[in-house]
Amino acid sequence: MAKMYYEKDCDLSYLKGKKIAIIGYGSQGHAHALNLKDSGCDVCVGLREGSKNWANAEAAGLAVKTVPAAAQFFDEGKGKYTLRAADEKEDGVFYDGALECRIAKGGALYEVNSTMTAVTLHGDAPVISEREAYDRLRAGRFDSRNTYSFSQLASAEVHVVACDLEYLTDSKGYRQPVYYFTLSDDQDGELRGGRPWQVFVPALA
């Protein structure tokens, strides 16, 4: 016989102080959102602008926000769905990561995995130019997540393949601008399987 669980069996303290976003307001989304709302949780619904369900969610007393327009939704087959966003900005919030779930026959939701982060913009700050970042790179003022590459580096020449301004989460949870340099040398094939490697230069002026 299946065991039934009720509200008294749950410890909602784990959700205290957290904002919960339900993406979509279909047959599953609206049930989860309303259950959370009735339980006193801080919940909002994420919908595309112009969604026919927007008014329905608001009429139920739920806060509604837009999902980043550039976010990509994938139906990967066998009941697996993925929502991805790569440093997308919407209403002053940066979204980055992926939200994955599986839906079984009958509509039951399971195996929800999220690496999605939402970061609020705290203020504007000046950043250095690509040229300044390149000068710092040449002067050795950089950091690397690939220390193996540097411990094995013996080349006289290193080539810059690409330079991109991105955001990196620091030890306090803030997203800091950095210039990522993709580099290559004559040992890529021998040491790194033919792949280039990356270093980054802090971009704050």
Protein backbone atom coordinates (compact mmCIF):
# COMPACT_ATOMS: atom_id res chain seq x y z
CA MET A 1 0.00 0.00 0.00
CA ALA A 2 1.29 3.46 -0.91
CA LYS A 3 2.14 5.82 1.94
CA MET A 4 0.34 9.18 1.89
CA TYR A 5 2.19 12.34 2.88
CA TYR A 6 0.49 15.45 4.23
CA GLU A 7 1.55 19.00 5.08
CA LYS A 8 2.38 18.01 8.69
CA ASP A 9 4.97 15.59 7.28
CA CYS A 10 6.90 18.39 5.56
CA ASP A 11 9.46 20.83 6.97
CA LEU A 12 8.93 24.11 5.12
CA SER A 13 11.80 25.76 7.00
CA TYR A 14 14.09 24.60 4.19
CA LEU A 15 12.24 26.99 1.85
CA LYS A 16 12.11 29.94 4.26
CA GLY A 17 13.71 33.06 2.80
CA LYS A 18 14.02 31.53 -0.67
CA LYS A 19 12.28 32.77 -3.80
CA ILE A 20 10.84 29.92 -5.85
CA ALA A 21 10.21 30.30 -9.57
CA ILE A 22 7.83 27.99 -11.42
CA ILE A 23 8.54 28.06 -15.16
CA GLY A 24 5.26 27.68 -17.02
CA TYR A 25 1.63 27.70 -15.86
CA GLY A 26 0.15 24.63 -17.49
CA SER A 27 -1.48 21.64 -15.80
CA GLN A 28 1.60 20.98 -13.65
CA GLY A 29 2.93 24.51 -13.21
CA HIS A 30 -0.23 26.07 -11.84
CA ALA A 31 -0.73 23.22 -9.32
CA HIS A 32 2.83 23.49 -7.98
CA ALA A 33 2.70 27.31 -7.86
CA LEU A 34 -0.62 27.43 -6.00
CA ASN A 35 0.41 24.71 -3.54
CA LEU A 36 3.57 26.65 -2.70
CA LYS A 37 1.65 29.91 -2.41
CA ASP A 38 -0.95 28.34 -0.09
CA SER A 39 1.91 26.99 2.04
CA GLY A 40 3.21 30.53 2.56
CA CYS A 41 6.20 30.30 0.22
CA ASP A 42 7.54 33.22 -1.81
CA VAL A 43 6.74 31.99 -5.31
CA CYS A 44 6.51 33.57 -8.75
CA VAL A 45 5.68 32.21 -12.19
CA GLY A 46 7.97 32.60 -15.20
CA LEU A 47 6.21 33.03 -18.55
CA ARG A 48 6.95 34.34 -22.01
CA GLU A 49 5.70 37.88 -22.54
CA GLY A 50 2.25 37.68 -24.10
CA SER A 51 1.52 34.21 -22.72
CA LYS A 52 -2.20 33.40 -22.57
CA ASN A 53 -1.63 32.14 -19.02
CA TRP A 54 -0.25 35.44 -17.73
CA ALA A 55 -3.65 36.83 -16.72
CA ASN A 56 -4.66 33.48 -15.21
CA ALA A 57 -1.61 33.40 -12.94
CA GLU A 58 -2.12 37.01 -11.84
CA ALA A 59 -5.81 36.34 -11.19
CA ALA A 60 -4.74 33.56 -8.82
CA GLY A 61 -2.69 36.08 -6.86
CA LEU A 62 0.70 34.99 -8.17
CA ALA A 63 3.56 37.28 -9.16
CA VAL A 64 4.49 36.79 -12.82
CA LYS A 65 7.82 37.59 -14.47
CA THR A 66 9.17 37.04 -17.94
CA VAL A 67 11.51 34.21 -18.75
CA PRO A 68 14.53 35.60 -20.66
CA ALA A 69 13.59 35.90 -24.31
CA ALA A 70 16.95 34.46 -25.38
CA ALA A 71 16.62 31.40 -23.17
CA GLN A 72 16.52 28.18 -25.18
CA PHE A 73 14.02 25.40 -24.56
CA PHE A 74 14.86 21.88 -25.71
CA ASP A 75 12.70 18.79 -25.95
CA GLU A 76 15.44 16.17 -25.77
CA GLY A 77 13.13 13.19 -26.13
CA LYS A 78 12.15 10.40 -23.74
CA GLY A 79 10.39 12.92 -21.51
CA LYS A 80 13.46 15.09 -20.89
CA TYR A 81 13.16 18.88 -21.19
CA THR A 82 15.85 21.52 -20.73
CA LEU A 83 15.76 25.31 -20.40
CA ARG A 84 19.13 26.98 -20.94
CA ALA A 85 20.28 30.57 -20.57
CA ALA A 86 23.81 31.92 -21.00
CA ASP A 87 24.33 35.23 -19.19
CA GLU A 88 20.98 36.52 -20.47
CA LYS A 89 19.75 39.82 -19.03
CA GLU A 90 16.05 40.46 -18.41
CA ASP A 91 14.63 43.32 -16.29
CA GLY A 92 17.96 43.93 -14.58
CA VAL A 93 18.50 40.24 -13.73
CA PHE A 94 21.20 38.03 -15.26
CA TYR A 95 20.23 34.39 -15.84
CA ASP A 96 22.82 31.70 -16.42
CA GLY A 97 22.73 27.91 -16.34
CA ALA A 98 20.24 25.18 -17.10
CA LEU A 99 17.04 23.73 -15.69
CA GLU A 100 16.39 20.10 -16.56
CA CYS A 101 13.48 17.83 -15.76
CA ARG A 102 11.80 14.64 -16.84
CA ILE A 103 8.08 14.09 -17.21
CA ALA A 104 6.72 10.57 -16.93
CA LYS A 105 3.65 9.19 -18.66
CA GLY A 106 0.61 10.78 -17.07
CA GLY A 107 2.39 14.10 -16.53
CA ALA A 108 4.25 13.34 -13.29
CA LEU A 109 7.34 15.53 -12.91
CA TYR A 110 10.56 13.94 -11.60
CA GLU A 111 14.36 14.24 -11.73
CA VAL A 112 14.49 18.02 -11.56
CA ASN A 113 18.05 19.35 -11.78
CA SER A 114 18.90 23.03 -11.77
CA THR A 115 22.16 24.90 -12.25
CA MET A 116 20.28 28.09 -13.11
CA THR A 117 21.38 31.23 -11.26
CA ALA A 118 19.65 34.60 -11.19
CA VAL A 119 21.84 37.56 -10.27
CA THR A 120 20.52 41.08 -9.68
CA LEU A 121 22.52 44.01 -11.03
CA HIS A 122 23.81 46.03 -8.08
CA GLY A 123 25.38 48.85 -10.06
CA ASP A 124 27.50 49.87 -13.02
CA ALA A 125 31.29 49.80 -12.88
CA PRO A 126 33.90 50.83 -15.45
CA VAL A 127 35.85 48.04 -17.16
CA ILE A 128 39.16 48.08 -18.96
CA SER A 129 39.42 47.67 -22.73
CA GLU A 130 40.45 44.49 -24.53
CA ARG A 131 43.80 46.13 -25.29
CA GLU A 132 44.41 46.87 -21.61
CA ALA A 133 43.44 43.31 -20.73
CA TYR A 134 45.86 42.01 -23.37
CA ASP A 135 48.67 44.16 -21.92
CA ARG A 136 47.96 42.70 -18.47
CA LEU A 137 48.01 39.20 -19.97
CA ARG A 138 51.44 39.82 -21.50
CA ALA A 139 52.66 41.18 -18.16
CA GLY A 140 51.58 37.96 -16.43
CA ARG A 141 48.66 39.57 -14.56
CA PHE A 142 46.12 36.82 -15.16
CA ASP A 143 44.50 33.86 -13.46
CA SER A 144 43.81 30.38 -14.77
CA ARG A 145 41.54 27.46 -13.97
CA ASN A 146 43.79 25.22 -16.00
CA THR A 147 46.96 25.11 -13.90
CA TYR A 148 48.00 21.87 -15.60
CA SER A 149 48.59 23.78 -18.82
CA PHE A 150 50.93 26.23 -17.13
CA SER A 151 52.84 23.63 -15.15
CA GLN A 152 53.61 21.89 -18.45
CA LEU A 153 54.13 25.01 -20.56
CA ALA A 154 57.52 25.26 -22.22
CA SER A 155 56.66 26.97 -25.52
CA ALA A 156 58.31 30.16 -26.60
CA GLU A 157 55.14 31.31 -28.40
CA VAL A 158 51.54 31.41 -27.23
CA HIS A 159 48.79 32.56 -29.59
CA VAL A 160 45.56 34.33 -28.61
CA VAL A 161 42.68 32.55 -30.34
CA ALA A 162 39.79 34.56 -28.86
CA CYS A 163 38.96 37.18 -26.24
CA ASP A 164 35.50 37.41 -24.63
CA LEU A 165 34.06 39.58 -21.87
CA GLU A 166 32.18 37.29 -19.47
CA TYR A 167 31.15 37.12 -15.81
CA LEU A 168 32.70 34.95 -13.11
CA THR A 169 31.23 34.33 -9.65
CA ASP A 170 33.66 35.35 -6.91
CA SER A 171 34.02 33.84 -3.42
CA LYS A 172 31.27 36.12 -2.05
CA GLY A 173 28.74 35.15 -4.71
CA TYR A 174 29.09 38.35 -6.79
CA ARG A 175 29.41 38.16 -10.57
CA GLN A 176 32.56 39.99 -11.64
CA PRO A 177 33.47 40.95 -15.23
CA VAL A 178 36.53 39.21 -16.64
CA TYR A 179 38.17 38.89 -20.03
CA TYR A 180 38.57 35.24 -21.00
CA PHE A 181 41.49 34.64 -23.35
CA THR A 182 41.53 31.40 -25.33
CA LEU A 183 45.16 30.51 -25.97
CA SER A 184 47.03 27.98 -28.07
CA ASP A 185 50.62 26.78 -28.33
CA ASP A 186 52.60 24.06 -30.11
CA GLN A 187 51.94 21.60 -27.28
CA ASP A 188 48.14 21.57 -27.63
CA GLY A 189 48.22 18.24 -29.45
CA GLU A 190 50.68 16.51 -27.11
CA LEU A 191 49.40 17.77 -23.76
CA ARG A 192 45.77 18.77 -24.23
CA GLY A 193 44.32 16.52 -26.89
CA GLY A 194 44.49 19.27 -29.52
CA ARG A 195 42.38 21.65 -27.43
CA PRO A 196 43.30 25.26 -26.66
CA TRP A 197 43.18 26.51 -23.06
CA GLN A 198 41.91 29.57 -21.23
CA VAL A 199 43.07 32.20 -18.78
CA PHE A 200 41.17 35.22 -17.53
CA VAL A 201 42.07 38.80 -16.67
CA PRO A 202 39.90 40.75 -14.17
CA ALA A 203 38.09 43.46 -16.15
CA LEU A 204 37.26 46.01 -13.45
CA ALA A 205 39.11 49.28 -14.03
